[in-house]
């Protein structure tokens, strides 16, 4: 059996996933820009940023106050 470095595998997978998401986001923004102009692209970026910030706050609160299931 092989010895796998799980942390390295996870890091590589995360890096690949983030790169894939960035490339897809670029072409989606470009397509929206071509179809509707820059204003909807900026609004979409602001909405996405807001949702990411909300997710971060939710994760931080959940980390501070773990659920207690009995």
Protein backbone atom coordinates (compact mmCIF):
# COMPACT_ATOMS: atom_id res chain seq x y z
CA UNK A 1 0.00 0.00 0.00
CA UNK A 2 1.09 3.52 -0.70
CA UNK A 3 1.51 6.14 1.95
CA UNK A 4 -0.58 9.15 1.01
CA UNK A 5 -0.01 12.61 2.37
CA UNK A 6 -3.65 13.61 2.90
CA UNK A 7 -2.89 17.25 3.70
CA UNK A 8 -0.93 17.63 0.46
CA UNK A 9 -3.69 15.89 -1.52
CA UNK A 10 -6.30 18.16 0.04
CA UNK A 11 -4.23 21.27 -0.71
CA UNK A 12 -3.77 20.21 -4.33
CA UNK A 13 -7.48 19.52 -4.68
CA UNK A 14 -8.38 22.89 -3.15
CA UNK A 15 -5.94 24.72 -5.43
CA UNK A 16 -7.35 22.95 -8.49
CA UNK A 17 -10.94 23.66 -7.49
CA UNK A 18 -10.26 27.35 -6.86
CA UNK A 19 -8.45 27.67 -10.20
CA UNK A 20 -11.35 26.00 -11.99
CA UNK A 21 -13.84 28.31 -10.29
CA UNK A 22 -11.78 31.39 -11.19
CA UNK A 23 -11.61 30.44 -14.87
CA UNK A 24 -15.35 29.75 -15.00
CA UNK A 25 -16.13 32.99 -13.20
CA UNK A 26 -14.02 34.94 -15.70
CA UNK A 27 -15.85 33.64 -18.76
CA UNK A 28 -19.24 34.06 -17.08
CA UNK A 29 -18.42 37.69 -16.20
CA UNK A 30 -17.16 38.26 -19.75
CA UNK A 31 -20.31 36.76 -21.30
CA UNK A 32 -22.58 38.87 -19.05
CA UNK A 33 -20.49 41.92 -19.90
CA UNK A 34 -20.90 41.29 -23.64
CA UNK A 35 -24.64 40.68 -23.35
CA UNK A 36 -25.69 43.32 -20.82
CA UNK A 37 -22.78 45.69 -20.15
CA UNK A 38 -20.51 46.31 -17.20
CA UNK A 39 -23.17 47.38 -14.66
CA UNK A 40 -24.72 43.89 -14.24
CA UNK A 41 -21.23 42.41 -13.92
CA UNK A 42 -20.40 44.83 -11.13
CA UNK A 43 -23.72 44.15 -9.41
CA UNK A 44 -23.13 40.40 -9.67
CA UNK A 45 -19.65 40.85 -8.20
CA UNK A 46 -21.03 42.90 -5.29
CA UNK A 47 -23.74 40.31 -4.59
CA UNK A 48 -21.23 37.46 -4.70
CA UNK A 49 -18.90 39.35 -2.36
CA UNK A 50 -21.77 39.96 0.06
CA UNK A 51 -22.74 36.28 0.05
CA UNK A 52 -19.13 35.19 0.63
CA UNK A 53 -18.88 37.58 3.59
CA UNK A 54 -22.14 36.23 5.06
CA UNK A 55 -20.83 32.69 4.71
CA UNK A 56 -17.58 33.65 6.42
CA UNK A 57 -19.44 35.22 9.37
CA UNK A 58 -21.68 32.17 9.67
CA UNK A 59 -18.68 29.83 9.68
CA UNK A 60 -16.87 31.93 12.29
CA UNK A 61 -19.92 31.95 14.57
CA UNK A 62 -20.36 28.20 14.15
CA UNK A 63 -16.69 27.68 14.98
CA UNK A 64 -17.01 29.74 18.17
CA UNK A 65 -20.24 28.10 19.31
CA UNK A 66 -20.24 24.43 18.34
CA UNK A 67 -23.54 22.59 18.47
CA UNK A 68 -24.04 20.30 21.40
CA UNK A 69 -25.97 17.22 20.40
CA UNK A 70 -26.79 14.91 23.27
